[in-house]
Amino acid sequence: QVRLVESGGGLIQPGGSLRLSCVASGFIFGATAMNWYRQAPGKERELVATITSDGANTHYGDSVKGRFIISRDNAKKTLYLQMNSLKAEDTAVYYCNAPYMGAWGQGTQVTVSL
C-alpha cells in the first residue's frame, strides 16, 4: 500500500524556519520524482517544489524561490522541505505528492503568525 506521511508543521513567527518531512512506503521511493504542494484557505492547491528521483534537479514555484529547499534521502525514503524566511502568506496545509503513483499525504499545517 502506497503511503506518504508528512510531519514538521506548526506555528512559527515571520522570518523563522521550519523543516517538513515526508516518509514514503509501499513503492520504490528512489525511482520517482516527488513534489511538495500547499493549499491555503480559499485558494487552489499550489505546486511549491519538485525534485527528480536522484535529487540532482529541483524546481521551485516563484513565491518560494530562494527561500525554500527541497531535498530527499532515498536510503531513508524521506522527502524534505526546508522553509526559511517564512512569511504570513506561506500559511497553508503542505502536502507531499508522488505524482507517478497518484499518491498524496494527509498534509501538515504551517501557520506563520506573530
N, C-alpha and C. Protein backbone atom coordinates (compact mmCIF):
# COMPACT_ATOMS: atom_id res chain seq x y z
N GLN A 1 0.84 -1.19 0.00
CA GLN A 1 0.00 0.00 0.00
C GLN A 1 0.88 1.25 0.00
N VAL A 2 0.63 2.14 -0.96
CA VAL A 2 1.39 3.37 -1.05
C VAL A 2 0.97 4.32 0.08
N ARG A 3 1.95 4.87 0.78
CA ARG A 3 1.65 5.75 1.89
C ARG A 3 2.68 6.86 1.97
N LEU A 4 2.20 8.08 2.23
CA LEU A 4 3.05 9.25 2.45
C LEU A 4 2.60 9.90 3.75
N VAL A 5 3.54 10.13 4.66
CA VAL A 5 3.21 10.70 5.95
C VAL A 5 4.08 11.93 6.21
N GLU A 6 3.43 13.09 6.26
CA GLU A 6 4.15 14.35 6.49
C GLU A 6 4.23 14.65 7.99
N SER A 7 5.25 15.43 8.35
CA SER A 7 5.39 15.92 9.71
C SER A 7 6.24 17.19 9.68
N GLY A 8 6.25 17.89 10.81
CA GLY A 8 7.12 19.06 10.94
C GLY A 8 6.42 20.40 10.88
N GLY A 9 5.14 20.41 10.62
CA GLY A 9 4.43 21.68 10.58
C GLY A 9 4.24 22.25 11.97
N GLY A 10 3.71 23.48 12.01
CA GLY A 10 3.46 24.11 13.30
C GLY A 10 3.28 25.60 13.15
N LEU A 11 3.28 26.28 14.29
CA LEU A 11 3.15 27.73 14.34
C LEU A 11 4.54 28.34 14.44
N ILE A 12 4.83 29.29 13.56
CA ILE A 12 6.15 29.90 13.52
C ILE A 12 5.99 31.38 13.25
N GLN A 13 6.89 32.18 13.82
CA GLN A 13 6.83 33.62 13.60
C GLN A 13 7.41 33.99 12.25
N PRO A 14 6.96 35.09 11.67
CA PRO A 14 7.53 35.56 10.40
C PRO A 14 9.04 35.68 10.50
N GLY A 15 9.72 35.24 9.44
CA GLY A 15 11.17 35.26 9.43
C GLY A 15 11.80 33.98 9.93
N GLY A 16 11.01 33.12 10.52
CA GLY A 16 11.51 31.87 11.07
C GLY A 16 11.68 30.78 10.03
N SER A 17 12.10 29.61 10.50
CA SER A 17 12.35 28.46 9.63
C SER A 17 11.67 27.22 10.17
N LEU A 18 11.28 26.35 9.26
CA LEU A 18 10.74 25.04 9.59
C LEU A 18 11.25 24.04 8.58
N ARG A 19 11.35 22.78 8.99
CA ARG A 19 11.66 21.72 8.05
C ARG A 19 10.56 20.67 8.09
N LEU A 20 9.95 20.45 6.93
CA LEU A 20 8.94 19.42 6.79
C LEU A 20 9.59 18.13 6.32
N SER A 21 9.01 17.02 6.75
CA SER A 21 9.47 15.70 6.32
C SER A 21 8.29 14.91 5.78
N CYS A 22 8.57 14.00 4.89
CA CYS A 22 7.55 13.11 4.32
C CYS A 22 8.18 11.74 4.18
N VAL A 23 7.67 10.79 4.94
CA VAL A 23 8.17 9.42 4.88
C VAL A 23 7.29 8.60 3.95
N ALA A 24 7.92 7.93 2.99
CA ALA A 24 7.20 7.17 1.99
C ALA A 24 7.32 5.67 2.25
N SER A 25 6.29 4.94 1.84
CA SER A 25 6.33 3.49 1.91
C SER A 25 5.40 2.92 0.85
N GLY A 26 5.64 1.66 0.48
CA GLY A 26 4.76 0.98 -0.44
C GLY A 26 5.11 1.12 -1.91
N PHE A 27 6.21 1.83 -2.19
CA PHE A 27 6.66 1.95 -3.57
C PHE A 27 8.17 2.21 -3.56
N ILE A 28 8.79 2.15 -4.74
CA ILE A 28 10.23 2.36 -4.83
C ILE A 28 10.49 3.86 -4.85
N PHE A 29 10.69 4.41 -3.66
CA PHE A 29 10.82 5.86 -3.49
C PHE A 29 11.92 6.44 -4.38
N GLY A 30 13.05 5.77 -4.43
CA GLY A 30 14.20 6.30 -5.15
C GLY A 30 14.06 6.29 -6.66
N ALA A 31 12.96 5.77 -7.16
CA ALA A 31 12.75 5.67 -8.60
C ALA A 31 11.81 6.74 -9.14
N THR A 32 11.30 7.62 -8.29
CA THR A 32 10.28 8.55 -8.74
C THR A 32 10.54 9.97 -8.27
N ALA A 33 10.19 10.92 -9.13
CA ALA A 33 10.20 12.32 -8.73
C ALA A 33 9.16 12.55 -7.63
N MET A 34 9.38 13.60 -6.86
CA MET A 34 8.47 13.93 -5.77
C MET A 34 8.18 15.42 -5.75
N ASN A 35 7.02 15.76 -5.22
CA ASN A 35 6.59 17.16 -5.14
C ASN A 35 6.17 17.53 -3.73
N TRP A 36 6.26 18.82 -3.44
CA TRP A 36 5.56 19.43 -2.31
C TRP A 36 4.54 20.41 -2.89
N TYR A 37 3.32 20.32 -2.39
CA TYR A 37 2.26 21.26 -2.72
C TYR A 37 1.81 21.94 -1.43
N ARG A 38 1.06 23.01 -1.60
CA ARG A 38 0.43 23.64 -0.45
C ARG A 38 -0.94 24.19 -0.86
N GLN A 39 -1.81 24.30 0.14
CA GLN A 39 -3.13 24.87 -0.11
C GLN A 39 -3.53 25.77 1.05
N ALA A 40 -3.73 27.03 0.75
CA ALA A 40 -4.17 27.99 1.74
C ALA A 40 -5.70 28.06 1.71
N PRO A 41 -6.31 28.49 2.80
CA PRO A 41 -7.78 28.57 2.85
C PRO A 41 -8.34 29.42 1.71
N GLY A 42 -9.30 28.86 1.00
CA GLY A 42 -9.94 29.59 -0.08
C GLY A 42 -9.15 29.67 -1.37
N LYS A 43 -8.01 29.00 -1.42
CA LYS A 43 -7.17 29.05 -2.61
C LYS A 43 -6.97 27.66 -3.19
N GLU A 44 -6.55 27.62 -4.46
CA GLU A 44 -6.27 26.35 -5.10
C GLU A 44 -4.94 25.78 -4.60
N ARG A 45 -4.81 24.46 -4.73
CA ARG A 45 -3.56 23.83 -4.37
C ARG A 45 -2.45 24.31 -5.30
N GLU A 46 -1.31 24.62 -4.72
CA GLU A 46 -0.20 25.25 -5.45
C GLU A 46 1.03 24.37 -5.38
N LEU A 47 1.71 24.17 -6.52
CA LEU A 47 2.97 23.42 -6.53
C LEU A 47 4.06 24.29 -5.92
N VAL A 48 4.71 23.77 -4.88
CA VAL A 48 5.76 24.50 -4.19
C VAL A 48 7.14 24.15 -4.74
N ALA A 49 7.40 22.85 -4.86
CA ALA A 49 8.73 22.41 -5.30
C ALA A 49 8.68 20.99 -5.83
N THR A 50 9.60 20.69 -6.73
CA THR A 50 9.73 19.38 -7.35
C THR A 50 11.18 18.94 -7.28
N ILE A 51 11.40 17.64 -7.12
CA ILE A 51 12.76 17.10 -7.13
C ILE A 51 12.76 15.81 -7.93
N THR A 52 13.82 15.61 -8.73
CA THR A 52 13.92 14.39 -9.51
C THR A 52 14.26 13.20 -8.62
N SER A 53 14.17 12.02 -9.20
CA SER A 53 14.33 10.80 -8.40
C SER A 53 15.70 10.71 -7.72
N ASP A 54 16.73 11.21 -8.40
CA ASP A 54 18.07 11.14 -7.82
C ASP A 54 18.46 12.39 -7.04
N GLY A 55 17.55 13.34 -6.98
CA GLY A 55 17.82 14.57 -6.25
C GLY A 55 18.69 15.57 -6.97
N ALA A 56 19.05 15.25 -8.21
CA ALA A 56 20.01 16.11 -8.92
C ALA A 56 19.40 17.41 -9.42
N ASN A 57 18.11 17.39 -9.65
CA ASN A 57 17.44 18.58 -10.20
C ASN A 57 16.21 18.95 -9.39
N THR A 58 16.02 20.24 -9.20
CA THR A 58 14.89 20.76 -8.44
C THR A 58 14.25 21.92 -9.18
N HIS A 59 13.00 22.18 -8.83
CA HIS A 59 12.26 23.30 -9.41
C HIS A 59 11.39 23.88 -8.32
N TYR A 60 11.28 25.23 -8.32
CA TYR A 60 10.51 25.90 -7.28
C TYR A 60 9.48 26.84 -7.87
N GLY A 61 8.37 26.98 -7.16
CA GLY A 61 7.41 28.00 -7.53
C GLY A 61 8.00 29.38 -7.27
N ASP A 62 7.56 30.36 -8.02
CA ASP A 62 8.12 31.70 -7.90
C ASP A 62 7.98 32.27 -6.49
N SER A 63 6.92 31.93 -5.81
CA SER A 63 6.66 32.52 -4.50
C SER A 63 7.60 32.02 -3.41
N VAL A 64 8.30 30.91 -3.66
CA VAL A 64 9.18 30.35 -2.63
C VAL A 64 10.64 30.29 -3.07
N LYS A 65 10.89 30.63 -4.32
CA LYS A 65 12.25 30.54 -4.86
C LYS A 65 13.21 31.38 -4.04
N GLY A 66 14.34 30.78 -3.67
CA GLY A 66 15.35 31.48 -2.88
C GLY A 66 15.14 31.36 -1.38
N ARG A 67 13.97 30.86 -0.97
CA ARG A 67 13.68 30.71 0.47
C ARG A 67 13.50 29.25 0.89
N PHE A 68 12.95 28.42 0.02
CA PHE A 68 12.69 27.02 0.33
C PHE A 68 13.69 26.12 -0.39
N ILE A 69 13.98 24.98 0.23
CA ILE A 69 14.87 23.99 -0.38
C ILE A 69 14.24 22.62 -0.25
N ILE A 70 14.04 21.95 -1.39
CA ILE A 70 13.55 20.59 -1.40
C ILE A 70 14.74 19.64 -1.49
N SER A 71 14.67 18.55 -0.75
CA SER A 71 15.74 17.55 -0.78
C SER A 71 15.15 16.19 -0.45
N ARG A 72 15.97 15.17 -0.59
CA ARG A 72 15.49 13.81 -0.33
C ARG A 72 16.64 12.95 0.13
N ASP A 73 16.28 11.93 0.91
CA ASP A 73 17.22 10.89 1.32
C ASP A 73 16.60 9.58 0.88
N ASN A 74 17.07 9.04 -0.24
CA ASN A 74 16.45 7.83 -0.79
C ASN A 74 16.68 6.62 0.11
N ALA A 75 17.77 6.59 0.83
CA ALA A 75 18.02 5.47 1.74
C ALA A 75 17.00 5.45 2.88
N LYS A 76 16.56 6.63 3.29
CA LYS A 76 15.56 6.74 4.36
C LYS A 76 14.15 6.87 3.82
N LYS A 77 14.01 6.89 2.49
CA LYS A 77 12.69 7.04 1.86
C LYS A 77 11.97 8.27 2.40
N THR A 78 12.70 9.35 2.48
CA THR A 78 12.16 10.56 3.08
C THR A 78 12.41 11.77 2.19
N LEU A 79 11.38 12.58 2.06
CA LEU A 79 11.42 13.84 1.32
C LEU A 79 11.39 14.97 2.35
N TYR A 80 12.13 16.05 2.06
CA TYR A 80 12.21 17.18 2.98
C TYR A 80 11.84 18.49 2.28
N LEU A 81 11.38 19.44 3.08
CA LEU A 81 11.23 20.81 2.60
C LEU A 81 11.73 21.74 3.69
N GLN A 82 12.88 22.35 3.44
CA GLN A 82 13.42 23.35 4.35
C GLN A 82 12.84 24.70 3.98
N MET A 83 12.14 25.32 4.91
CA MET A 83 11.47 26.59 4.66
C MET A 83 12.11 27.67 5.51
N ASN A 84 12.68 28.66 4.86
CA ASN A 84 13.37 29.76 5.54
C ASN A 84 12.67 31.08 5.23
N SER A 85 12.96 32.08 6.05
CA SER A 85 12.40 33.43 5.86
C SER A 85 10.89 33.36 5.65
N LEU A 86 10.23 32.64 6.50
CA LEU A 86 8.79 32.40 6.32
C LEU A 86 8.00 33.69 6.45
N LYS A 87 6.94 33.76 5.63
CA LYS A 87 6.05 34.91 5.58
C LYS A 87 4.64 34.47 5.92
N ALA A 88 3.80 35.42 6.28
CA ALA A 88 2.41 35.10 6.60
C ALA A 88 1.73 34.40 5.43
N GLU A 89 2.09 34.80 4.21
CA GLU A 89 1.45 34.21 3.03
C GLU A 89 1.90 32.78 2.75
N ASP A 90 2.86 32.27 3.54
CA ASP A 90 3.24 30.86 3.43
C ASP A 90 2.31 29.97 4.24
N THR A 91 1.42 30.57 5.02
CA THR A 91 0.47 29.79 5.81
C THR A 91 -0.41 28.94 4.91
N ALA A 92 -0.41 27.63 5.16
CA ALA A 92 -1.14 26.68 4.32
C ALA A 92 -0.98 25.28 4.90
N VAL A 93 -1.75 24.37 4.34
CA VAL A 93 -1.50 22.95 4.57
C VAL A 93 -0.55 22.48 3.48
N TYR A 94 0.53 21.84 3.89
CA TYR A 94 1.56 21.38 2.97
C TYR A 94 1.41 19.87 2.75
N TYR A 95 1.45 19.48 1.47
CA TYR A 95 1.24 18.09 1.09
C TYR A 95 2.44 17.54 0.34
N CYS A 96 2.77 16.33 0.64
CA CYS A 96 3.76 15.55 -0.09
C CYS A 96 3.02 14.80 -1.20
N ASN A 97 3.63 14.71 -2.38
CA ASN A 97 2.97 14.08 -3.53
C ASN A 97 3.95 13.24 -4.32
N ALA A 98 3.52 12.02 -4.64
CA ALA A 98 4.27 11.16 -5.55
C ALA A 98 3.46 11.11 -6.84
N PRO A 99 3.80 11.94 -7.82
CA PRO A 99 2.91 12.13 -8.97
C PRO A 99 2.68 10.88 -9.80
N TYR A 100 3.69 10.07 -9.98
CA TYR A 100 3.52 8.89 -10.85
C TYR A 100 2.81 7.76 -10.13
N MET A 101 2.67 7.88 -8.80
CA MET A 101 1.91 6.91 -8.03
C MET A 101 0.51 7.43 -7.75
N GLY A 102 0.27 8.68 -8.08
CA GLY A 102 -1.03 9.28 -7.77
C GLY A 102 -1.29 9.35 -6.29
N ALA A 103 -0.23 9.51 -5.50
CA ALA A 103 -0.36 9.43 -4.04
C ALA A 103 -0.15 10.79 -3.38
N TRP A 104 -0.92 11.03 -2.33
CA TRP A 104 -0.83 12.25 -1.54
C TRP A 104 -0.75 11.89 -0.06
N GLY A 105 -0.03 12.71 0.70
CA GLY A 105 -0.06 12.58 2.14
C GLY A 105 -1.30 13.25 2.71
N GLN A 106 -1.41 13.19 4.04
CA GLN A 106 -2.58 13.77 4.71
C GLN A 106 -2.43 15.27 4.92
N GLY A 107 -1.22 15.78 4.77
CA GLY A 107 -0.95 17.20 4.92
C GLY A 107 -0.48 17.56 6.32
N THR A 108 0.29 18.64 6.40
CA THR A 108 0.72 19.17 7.68
C THR A 108 0.53 20.69 7.66
N GLN A 109 -0.05 21.23 8.72
CA GLN A 109 -0.39 22.64 8.77
C GLN A 109 0.83 23.48 9.14
N VAL A 110 1.06 24.51 8.35
CA VAL A 110 2.09 25.51 8.67
C VAL A 110 1.38 26.85 8.83
N THR A 111 1.56 27.46 9.98
CA THR A 111 0.96 28.76 10.25
C THR A 111 2.06 29.76 10.61
N VAL A 112 2.15 30.82 9.84
CA VAL A 112 3.16 31.85 10.07
C VAL A 112 2.45 33.08 10.62
N SER A 113 2.71 33.37 11.89
CA SER A 113 1.99 34.46 12.54
C SER A 113 2.74 34.91 13.78
N LEU A 114 2.51 36.17 14.17
CA LEU A 114 3.13 36.67 15.39
C LEU A 114 2.45 36.07 16.61
